[in-house]
């Protein structure tokens, strides 16, 4: 792979103006949707081969999200691309003022392995809508999906417009050394820092979709049965390999026992008495991640699950209580089907614990108390989240998705994706018929007037 030659080809194509037509963008988004429709089963099989993801989960969390996003953008794109009028100021009277969204140029998208189709192609929707060319670098940890993306995208799009580049760390380094106009990265905070460092050498703007330890709070006013089901779903979908999965649980002491009973019932309802036999429960992506997760099992007392099988990279849905002091599981993002449970007596304790850690990508609160909701939203900083649900906020086009602090910078989804991949150009247009003289030299006698009006 010659990253420089590929970028040169894409840059030449972009500079030809071919991608700027709104009709062209619409046609390419329609092509992307047709591609997904015709190759849906191939993508399903590739992801299943990588970590045994069930077909319904694959559709609900990957393919269906892409269909939905493309359809939404197609409905709105003509409106978004029109010049947007803004108010003028009397200082520049008379004038017309407006903004224009223009594409950056050549965009690099580095995708993760956990939702390997959705997270590779969802930012592509915004990049195409904004009029850019795109290089996609899928994760080498899901080789079947990476290969499918390379082959399928290559059949539907010319390389100078949208290209998929396979490879590992060295390929990432080669791509990041190129002078892309925008970089969009989804992955760990550690690698995100390396991406930002590389981008800084070319002053390339970035969006970093990272992670962190996303807390989930359950207070004594919550509907415990519903809360347990929604938290269990959010934690164990994709076997916990979700950047916004509840990473640890803060349960009010008075309802801990009852909540855990409901939680155990929910897990049994979802996956049966032996989740290993369930066709609806995926596996861990590879041996390294499996071994890392198994190491966390000694950080607390196993209340539920704790079963492992290295041959199939299987870890059962697991709940840990009595977390030991200084446990690694409370320092690192888990990214797997292990849920540590801690307790609090009063809400301020839970808030203080959350504030003592880096700002998370998501936060979830289960409560019927408005004052609890207000306290958490006011005092805790996080990327986004939900009240009385988990993960569901990602399904709303009107809610930008992104982190804050160590959980990321920038956002996308819906209109925000279009804005992310667009430079907003500000324009003021004036006529020749009125030319107010106060700004011109000589300045004698004008300062008092300027001071009077510019206050």
Protein backbone atom coordinates (compact mmCIF):
# COMPACT_ATOMS: atom_id res chain seq x y z
CA UNK A 1 0.00 0.00 0.00
CA UNK A 2 1.38 3.37 -1.02
CA UNK A 3 -0.52 5.86 1.11
CA UNK A 4 0.99 8.87 -0.61
CA UNK A 5 -0.02 7.72 -4.10
CA UNK A 6 -3.55 6.89 -2.96
CA UNK A 7 -3.93 10.27 -1.28
CA UNK A 8 -2.57 12.02 -4.39
CA UNK A 9 -5.15 10.25 -6.55
CA UNK A 10 -7.97 11.17 -4.19
CA UNK A 11 -6.78 14.74 -3.91
CA UNK A 12 -6.64 15.08 -7.70
CA UNK A 13 -10.16 13.70 -7.95
CA UNK A 14 -11.41 16.05 -5.24
CA UNK A 15 -9.81 19.07 -6.89
CA UNK A 16 -11.59 18.21 -10.12
CA UNK A 17 -14.80 19.26 -8.35
CA UNK A 18 -16.50 15.93 -9.04
CA UNK A 19 -17.56 15.37 -5.42
CA UNK A 20 -19.04 18.81 -4.78
CA UNK A 21 -22.29 18.46 -6.70
CA UNK A 22 -25.20 17.72 -4.38
CA UNK A 23 -26.65 15.39 -7.00
CA UNK A 24 -23.36 13.47 -7.05
CA UNK A 25 -23.39 13.11 -3.27
CA UNK A 26 -26.98 11.90 -3.28
CA UNK A 27 -26.19 9.35 -5.98
CA UNK A 28 -23.19 8.05 -4.00
CA UNK A 29 -25.23 7.70 -0.82
CA UNK A 30 -27.87 5.79 -2.76
CA UNK A 31 -25.08 3.61 -4.13
CA UNK A 32 -23.83 2.95 -0.61
CA UNK A 33 -27.30 1.86 0.44
CA UNK A 34 -27.62 -0.44 -2.58
CA UNK A 35 -24.23 -1.92 -1.75
CA UNK A 36 -25.39 -2.75 1.77
CA UNK A 37 -28.65 -4.22 0.49
CA UNK A 38 -26.98 -6.51 -2.03
CA UNK A 39 -24.17 -7.64 0.29
CA UNK A 40 -25.97 -7.71 3.62
CA UNK A 41 -25.59 -11.46 4.01
CA UNK A 42 -21.88 -11.33 3.20
CA UNK A 43 -21.33 -8.75 5.91
CA UNK A 44 -23.41 -10.82 8.35
CA UNK A 45 -21.28 -13.89 7.68
CA UNK A 46 -18.00 -11.98 7.93
CA UNK A 47 -18.86 -10.52 11.33
CA UNK A 48 -20.16 -13.89 12.53
CA UNK A 49 -16.89 -15.49 11.51
CA UNK A 50 -14.98 -12.86 13.46
CA UNK A 51 -16.82 -13.18 16.79
CA UNK A 52 -20.06 -15.13 16.43
CA UNK A 53 -22.37 -12.13 16.39
CA UNK A 54 -26.04 -13.19 15.94
CA UNK A 55 -27.83 -11.97 12.82
CA UNK A 56 -30.52 -9.95 14.63
CA UNK A 57 -27.91 -8.18 16.74
CA UNK A 58 -25.84 -7.57 13.61
CA UNK A 59 -28.80 -5.95 11.87
CA UNK A 60 -29.97 -3.93 14.87
CA UNK A 61 -26.55 -2.57 15.83
CA UNK A 62 -24.80 -2.34 12.46
CA UNK A 63 -26.61 -2.73 9.13
CA UNK A 64 -29.94 -1.29 10.27
CA UNK A 65 -28.25 1.75 11.78
CA UNK A 66 -26.50 2.39 8.46
CA UNK A 67 -29.75 2.11 6.47
CA UNK A 68 -31.45 4.49 8.87
CA UNK A 69 -28.64 7.05 8.79
CA UNK A 70 -28.38 7.04 4.99
CA UNK A 71 -32.14 7.46 4.57
CA UNK A 72 -32.19 10.36 7.01
CA UNK A 73 -29.27 12.15 5.36
CA UNK A 74 -30.79 11.70 1.90
CA UNK A 75 -33.95 13.48 3.10
CA UNK A 76 -32.06 16.41 4.59
CA UNK A 77 -28.98 16.88 2.42
CA UNK A 78 -30.30 19.46 -0.05
CA UNK A 79 -31.38 21.66 2.84
CA UNK A 80 -28.06 21.30 4.67
CA UNK A 81 -26.00 22.23 1.62
CA UNK A 82 -27.84 25.49 0.95
CA UNK A 83 -26.25 28.74 2.18
CA UNK A 84 -27.49 29.46 5.69
CA UNK A 85 -28.48 33.09 6.29
CA UNK A 86 -27.37 34.71 9.54
CA UNK A 87 -28.16 38.07 11.07
CA UNK A 88 -26.00 41.02 10.15
CA UNK A 89 -24.63 43.71 12.39
CA UNK A 90 -25.44 47.39 12.06
CA UNK A 91 -21.71 48.13 11.90
CA UNK A 92 -21.69 46.52 8.46
CA UNK A 93 -25.05 47.87 7.31
CA UNK A 94 -26.09 47.27 4.64
CA UNK A 95 -24.86 43.72 4.06
CA UNK A 96 -25.95 40.14 3.50
CA UNK A 97 -24.42 37.51 5.78
CA UNK A 98 -24.44 33.76 5.37
CA UNK A 99 -22.44 30.58 5.89
CA UNK A 100 -21.57 27.92 3.34
CA UNK A 101 -20.60 24.34 4.16
CA UNK A 102 -17.68 23.18 2.05
CA UNK A 103 -15.92 19.79 2.12
CA UNK A 104 -12.49 19.50 3.69
CA UNK A 105 -11.10 17.33 0.91
CA UNK A 106 -9.56 13.91 1.56
CA UNK A 107 -10.71 12.20 4.77
CA UNK A 108 -9.08 9.30 6.62
CA UNK A 109 -11.40 7.11 8.71
CA UNK A 110 -9.73 4.64 11.07
CA UNK A 111 -12.33 2.17 12.33
CA UNK A 112 -12.33 -0.19 15.35
CA UNK A 113 -13.12 -3.90 15.53
CA UNK A 114 -16.10 -4.03 17.89
CA UNK A 115 -18.77 -2.91 15.40
CA UNK A 116 -16.62 -3.39 12.32
CA UNK A 117 -19.19 -2.58 9.63
CA UNK A 118 -21.17 0.18 11.33
CA UNK A 119 -18.18 2.09 12.70
CA UNK A 120 -16.31 1.85 9.40
CA UNK A 121 -19.20 3.07 7.25
CA UNK A 122 -21.27 5.37 9.49
CA UNK A 123 -18.73 8.21 9.35
CA UNK A 124 -18.43 7.57 5.60
CA UNK A 125 -22.07 8.64 5.26
CA UNK A 126 -21.25 12.06 6.71
CA UNK A 127 -18.02 12.36 4.74
CA UNK A 128 -19.74 11.65 1.42
CA UNK A 129 -22.68 13.90 2.30
CA UNK A 130 -20.24 16.74 2.90
CA UNK A 131 -18.52 16.15 -0.46
CA UNK A 132 -15.22 14.56 0.58
CA UNK A 133 -13.19 11.65 -0.71
CA UNK A 134 -12.58 8.87 1.82
CA UNK A 135 -9.93 6.35 2.81
CA UNK A 136 -11.24 3.70 5.23
CA UNK A 137 -8.82 1.73 7.40
CA UNK A 138 -10.73 -1.14 9.08
CA UNK A 139 -9.34 -3.02 12.06
CA UNK A 140 -6.98 -5.94 11.51
CA UNK A 141 -8.53 -7.64 14.57
CA UNK A 142 -11.62 -8.54 12.51
CA UNK A 143 -9.92 -9.90 9.38
CA UNK A 144 -13.03 -11.42 7.79
CA UNK A 145 -14.94 -8.15 8.00
CA UNK A 146 -11.92 -6.14 6.89
CA UNK A 147 -11.57 -8.34 3.82
CA UNK A 148 -15.28 -8.09 3.04
CA UNK A 149 -15.17 -4.30 3.27
CA UNK A 150 -12.15 -4.17 0.97
CA UNK A 151 -13.71 -6.42 -1.67
CA UNK A 152 -17.26 -5.09 -1.58
CA UNK A 153 -16.48 -1.37 -1.39
CA UNK A 154 -13.95 -1.86 -4.19
CA UNK A 155 -16.69 -3.22 -6.45
CA UNK A 156 -19.01 -0.27 -5.90
CA UNK A 157 -16.74 2.77 -5.62
CA UNK A 158 -13.71 3.90 -7.55
CA UNK A 159 -10.61 4.11 -5.42
CA UNK A 160 -10.01 7.79 -6.03
CA UNK A 161 -13.36 8.45 -4.31
CA UNK A 162 -13.75 5.79 -1.59
CA UNK A 163 -11.00 3.28 -0.86
CA UNK A 164 -10.48 0.62 1.80
CA UNK A 165 -6.91 -0.05 2.94
CA UNK A 166 -6.19 -3.20 4.96
CA UNK A 167 -3.26 -3.68 7.30
CA UNK A 168 -2.00 -3.43 10.85
CA UNK A 169 -0.12 -0.92 12.95
CA UNK A 170 2.46 -0.13 10.27
CA UNK A 171 -0.30 0.65 7.78
CA UNK A 172 -1.89 3.00 10.31
CA UNK A 173 1.45 4.75 10.77
CA UNK A 174 1.92 5.13 7.02
CA UNK A 175 -1.56 6.57 6.56
CA UNK A 176 -1.20 8.94 9.51
CA UNK A 177 2.05 10.25 8.05
CA UNK A 178 0.13 11.55 5.03
CA UNK A 179 -1.31 15.03 4.80
CA UNK A 180 -5.03 14.20 4.93
CA UNK A 181 -7.47 17.08 5.24
CA UNK A 182 -9.41 15.44 8.09
CA UNK A 183 -8.92 12.38 10.30
CA UNK A 184 -11.76 10.52 12.03
CA UNK A 185 -10.64 7.90 14.56
CA UNK A 186 -12.63 5.48 16.70
CA UNK A 187 -10.72 3.47 19.28
CA UNK A 188 -8.89 3.62 22.58
CA UNK A 189 -7.75 6.75 24.38
CA UNK A 190 -4.14 5.56 24.19
CA UNK A 191 -4.17 5.23 20.41
CA UNK A 192 -6.27 8.38 20.10
CA UNK A 193 -3.38 10.35 21.59
CA UNK A 194 -1.04 8.89 18.95
CA UNK A 195 -3.48 9.83 16.19
CA UNK A 196 -3.71 13.38 17.51
CA UNK A 197 0.08 13.62 17.74
CA UNK A 198 0.44 12.51 14.12
CA UNK A 199 -2.31 14.87 12.96
CA UNK A 200 -0.65 17.80 14.71
CA UNK A 201 2.39 17.53 12.43
CA UNK A 202 0.19 18.54 9.49
CA UNK A 203 -2.28 20.63 11.53
CA UNK A 204 -4.98 18.19 10.43
CA UNK A 205 -8.30 18.53 12.28
CA UNK A 206 -9.51 15.38 14.00
CA UNK A 207 -12.54 13.76 15.52
CA UNK A 208 -11.61 11.26 18.22
CA UNK A 209 -14.31 8.82 19.29
CA UNK A 210 -12.70 7.15 22.29
CA UNK A 211 -13.99 5.37 25.37
CA UNK A 212 -13.63 5.27 29.12
CA UNK A 213 -15.44 3.87 32.10
CA UNK A 214 -19.12 4.69 31.55
CA UNK A 215 -20.99 4.53 34.87
CA UNK A 216 -24.55 3.44 35.48
CA UNK A 217 -26.43 4.58 38.59
CA UNK A 218 -29.53 2.89 40.02
CA UNK A 219 -31.26 4.56 42.95
CA UNK A 220 -33.97 3.19 45.22
CA UNK A 221 -36.79 4.91 43.33
CA UNK A 222 -36.11 3.08 40.05
CA UNK A 223 -38.31 0.35 38.58
CA UNK A 224 -35.85 -2.42 39.36
CA UNK A 225 -37.18 -5.05 36.99
CA UNK A 226 -37.13 -2.72 33.98
CA UNK A 227 -33.80 -1.23 35.02
CA UNK A 228 -32.23 -4.68 35.32
CA UNK A 229 -33.41 -5.71 31.85
CA UNK A 230 -32.21 -2.52 30.18
CA UNK A 231 -28.85 -2.58 31.92
CA UNK A 232 -28.29 -6.28 31.20
CA UNK A 233 -29.09 -5.68 27.54
CA UNK A 234 -26.82 -2.65 27.31
CA UNK A 235 -23.98 -4.46 29.05
CA UNK A 236 -24.08 -7.81 27.29
CA UNK A 237 -25.07 -6.92 23.73
CA UNK A 238 -22.02 -7.75 21.60
CA UNK A 239 -20.65 -9.54 24.69
CA UNK A 240 -19.95 -6.19 26.33
CA UNK A 241 -17.61 -5.08 23.54
CA UNK A 242 -19.29 -1.70 23.18
CA UNK A 243 -17.66 1.66 23.88
CA UNK A 244 -20.79 3.01 25.59
CA UNK A 245 -21.71 -0.15 27.50
CA UNK A 246 -22.24 0.36 31.24
CA UNK A 247 -18.71 -0.20 32.53
CA UNK A 248 -19.52 -0.28 36.22
CA UNK A 249 -22.71 -0.16 38.25
CA UNK A 250 -23.45 2.07 41.23
CA UNK A 251 -26.47 0.70 43.11
CA UNK A 252 -28.05 2.27 46.17
CA UNK A 253 -27.31 0.01 49.14
CA UNK A 254 -30.95 -0.36 50.17
CA UNK A 255 -31.92 -2.08 46.91
CA UNK A 256 -28.72 -3.94 45.97
CA UNK A 257 -29.98 -7.44 46.80
CA UNK A 258 -33.32 -7.00 45.05
CA UNK A 259 -31.73 -5.40 42.02
CA UNK A 260 -29.18 -8.20 41.61
CA UNK A 261 -31.97 -10.77 41.78
CA UNK A 262 -33.78 -8.96 38.96
CA UNK A 263 -30.53 -8.67 37.02
CA UNK A 264 -29.85 -12.39 37.27
CA UNK A 265 -33.39 -13.12 36.10
CA UNK A 266 -32.92 -10.82 33.10
CA UNK A 267 -29.68 -12.54 32.05
CA UNK A 268 -31.32 -15.95 32.33
CA UNK A 269 -34.29 -14.71 30.30
CA UNK A 270 -31.98 -13.40 27.56
CA UNK A 271 -29.46 -16.24 27.31
CA UNK A 272 -30.85 -19.22 29.25
CA UNK A 273 -29.21 -21.13 32.07
CA UNK A 274 -26.13 -21.77 29.93
CA UNK A 275 -25.29 -18.70 27.81
CA UNK A 276 -22.57 -20.70 26.07
CA UNK A 277 -25.31 -22.62 24.26
CA UNK A 278 -27.27 -19.50 23.35
CA UNK A 279 -27.20 -18.54 19.65
CA UNK A 280 -27.73 -14.94 20.76
CA UNK A 281 -24.54 -14.49 22.77
CA UNK A 282 -21.35 -13.51 20.89
CA UNK A 283 -17.72 -14.30 21.71
CA UNK A 284 -14.65 -12.25 22.61
CA UNK A 285 -12.82 -10.99 19.54
CA UNK A 286 -9.45 -12.69 20.13
CA UNK A 287 -7.17 -14.46 22.60
CA UNK A 288 -5.43 -11.32 23.86
CA UNK A 289 -8.69 -9.64 24.81
CA UNK A 290 -9.96 -12.90 26.31
CA UNK A 291 -6.89 -13.23 28.55
CA UNK A 292 -7.11 -9.58 29.59
CA UNK A 293 -10.74 -10.00 30.64
CA UNK A 294 -10.14 -13.26 32.50
CA UNK A 295 -7.58 -11.39 34.57
CA UNK A 296 -10.34 -9.14 35.92
CA UNK A 297 -12.29 -12.02 37.45
CA UNK A 298 -10.10 -12.01 40.57
CA UNK A 299 -10.87 -8.35 41.28
CA UNK A 300 -14.09 -9.14 43.11
CA UNK A 301 -16.53 -11.82 44.22
CA UNK A 302 -18.38 -13.57 41.38
CA UNK A 303 -22.11 -13.09 41.95
CA UNK A 304 -23.16 -14.27 38.48
CA UNK A 305 -21.36 -16.11 35.70
CA UNK A 306 -17.59 -16.19 35.74
CA UNK A 307 -17.44 -19.13 33.33
CA UNK A 308 -14.75 -19.09 30.65
CA UNK A 309 -13.56 -21.23 27.75
CA UNK A 310 -10.34 -20.27 26.01
CA UNK A 311 -11.03 -22.57 23.07
CA UNK A 312 -14.03 -20.51 22.01
CA UNK A 313 -13.00 -17.15 23.53
CA UNK A 314 -16.12 -17.44 25.68
CA UNK A 315 -16.77 -15.50 28.86
CA UNK A 316 -20.25 -15.77 30.34
CA UNK A 317 -22.26 -12.70 31.38
CA UNK A 318 -20.59 -11.93 34.70
CA UNK A 319 -21.35 -9.74 37.71
CA UNK A 320 -18.71 -9.01 40.35
CA UNK A 321 -19.44 -7.64 43.82
CA UNK A 322 -17.17 -6.77 46.76
CA UNK A 323 -14.64 -5.17 44.45
CA UNK A 324 -11.23 -5.12 46.13
CA UNK A 325 -9.47 -1.84 46.85
CA UNK A 326 -7.27 -0.66 43.99
CA UNK A 327 -8.62 -3.29 41.60
CA UNK A 328 -7.49 -2.94 37.99
CA UNK A 329 -11.06 -3.49 36.80
CA UNK A 330 -11.95 -0.07 38.24
CA UNK A 331 -9.03 1.65 36.51
CA UNK A 332 -9.21 0.32 32.93
CA UNK A 333 -12.12 0.25 30.47
CA UNK A 334 -13.45 -3.31 30.64
CA UNK A 335 -14.80 -3.73 27.10
CA UNK A 336 -16.24 -7.14 27.83
CA UNK A 337 -19.08 -8.99 29.59
CA UNK A 338 -17.96 -8.33 33.17
CA UNK A 339 -19.90 -5.86 35.31
CA UNK A 340 -18.48 -4.71 38.66
CA UNK A 341 -21.16 -3.59 41.12
CA UNK A 342 -20.49 -1.01 43.83
CA UNK A 343 -22.93 0.48 46.31
CA UNK A 344 -23.66 3.93 47.69
CA UNK A 345 -25.87 5.16 50.52
CA UNK A 346 -26.69 8.62 49.18
CA UNK A 347 -26.46 10.00 45.65
CA UNK A 348 -23.63 12.49 46.38
CA UNK A 349 -21.36 9.48 47.07
CA UNK A 350 -22.02 8.11 43.58
CA UNK A 351 -21.49 11.52 42.01
CA UNK A 352 -18.18 11.98 43.82
CA UNK A 353 -16.98 8.58 42.64
CA UNK A 354 -17.81 9.43 39.02
CA UNK A 355 -16.14 12.84 39.28
CA UNK A 356 -12.97 11.23 40.66
CA UNK A 357 -12.42 9.45 37.34
CA UNK A 358 -11.73 10.78 33.82
CA UNK A 359 -14.79 12.07 31.99
CA UNK A 360 -16.65 9.08 30.50
CA UNK A 361 -18.12 8.65 27.03
CA UNK A 362 -21.54 7.78 28.47
CA UNK A 363 -23.49 7.87 31.72
CA UNK A 364 -26.75 6.16 32.62
CA UNK A 365 -29.09 6.94 35.50
CA UNK A 366 -32.13 4.95 36.58
CA UNK A 367 -34.42 6.97 38.83
CA UNK A 368 -37.91 8.39 39.20
CA UNK A 369 -36.60 11.42 41.08
CA UNK A 370 -36.28 14.66 39.13
CA UNK A 371 -33.90 16.05 41.74
CA UNK A 372 -31.58 13.06 41.27
CA UNK A 373 -31.66 13.53 37.51
CA UNK A 374 -30.88 17.23 37.85
CA UNK A 375 -28.04 16.62 40.30
CA UNK A 376 -26.30 14.07 38.09
CA UNK A 377 -26.68 16.10 34.90
CA UNK A 378 -25.45 19.26 36.59
CA UNK A 379 -22.47 17.81 38.44
CA UNK A 380 -21.17 15.05 36.13
CA UNK A 381 -19.44 15.73 32.82
CA UNK A 382 -19.76 13.01 30.16
CA UNK A 383 -20.16 12.64 26.42
CA UNK A 384 -23.84 11.67 26.35
CA UNK A 385 -26.19 9.21 27.93
CA UNK A 386 -29.69 8.24 28.91
CA UNK A 387 -32.09 8.47 31.81
CA UNK A 388 -33.75 5.12 32.53
CA UNK A 389 -32.16 3.35 29.56
CA UNK A 390 -28.78 2.35 28.14
CA UNK A 391 -27.27 2.76 24.65
CA UNK A 392 -30.59 3.95 23.20
CA UNK A 393 -29.45 7.57 22.79
CA UNK A 394 -27.27 6.43 19.88
CA UNK A 395 -30.40 5.77 17.84
CA UNK A 396 -31.53 9.41 17.63
CA UNK A 397 -30.16 11.33 14.62
CA UNK A 398 -30.74 14.59 16.46
CA UNK A 399 -28.43 13.66 19.34
CA UNK A 400 -24.76 14.16 18.41
CA UNK A 401 -22.56 11.31 19.61
CA UNK A 402 -19.11 12.06 20.98
CA UNK A 403 -16.93 12.24 24.04
CA UNK A 404 -15.37 14.89 26.24
CA UNK A 405 -11.90 15.04 27.73
CA UNK A 406 -10.20 11.65 27.63
CA UNK A 407 -13.31 10.04 26.10
CA UNK A 408 -12.88 12.02 22.89
CA UNK A 409 -13.45 15.22 20.98
CA UNK A 410 -15.88 16.09 18.24
CA UNK A 411 -19.15 14.32 17.46
CA UNK A 412 -21.18 12.80 14.66
CA UNK A 413 -24.53 11.19 13.73
CA UNK A 414 -27.23 12.90 11.67
CA UNK A 415 -26.63 16.54 10.83
CA UNK A 416 -23.61 16.68 13.12
CA UNK A 417 -21.85 14.18 10.82
CA UNK A 418 -22.38 16.53 7.88
CA UNK A 419 -21.09 19.42 9.98
CA UNK A 420 -18.11 17.43 11.23
CA UNK A 421 -16.86 16.76 7.72
CA UNK A 422 -17.59 20.29 6.49
CA UNK A 423 -15.72 23.54 6.91
CA UNK A 424 -18.15 26.36 7.64
CA UNK A 425 -17.19 29.27 5.42
CA UNK A 426 -18.49 32.64 6.62
CA UNK A 427 -19.41 35.24 3.98
CA UNK A 428 -20.44 38.89 4.19
CA UNK A 429 -21.57 40.63 0.99
CA UNK A 430 -21.83 44.40 0.73
CA UNK A 431 -22.98 46.74 -1.99
CA UNK A 432 -21.18 49.85 -3.26
CA UNK A 433 -24.01 52.34 -2.74
CA UNK A 434 -23.26 53.26 0.90
CA UNK A 435 -19.76 53.68 2.29
CA UNK A 436 -19.76 54.94 5.90
CA UNK A 437 -16.58 57.01 6.38
CA UNK A 438 -15.94 56.62 10.11
CA UNK A 439 -13.48 53.71 9.73
CA UNK A 440 -11.19 55.59 7.41
CA UNK A 441 -8.30 57.88 8.35
CA UNK A 442 -7.90 60.63 9.26
CA UNK A 443 -9.41 59.67 12.64
CA UNK A 444 -9.61 63.14 14.18
CA UNK A 445 -12.98 63.74 15.85
CA UNK A 446 -14.20 60.15 15.29
CA UNK A 447 -13.09 58.38 18.50
CA UNK A 448 -15.86 59.76 20.70
CA UNK A 449 -18.47 58.62 18.19
CA UNK A 450 -16.92 55.15 17.93
CA UNK A 451 -16.81 54.81 21.73
CA UNK A 452 -20.44 55.86 22.00
CA UNK A 453 -21.77 53.31 19.55
CA UNK A 454 -19.48 50.34 20.31
CA UNK A 455 -20.67 49.77 23.88
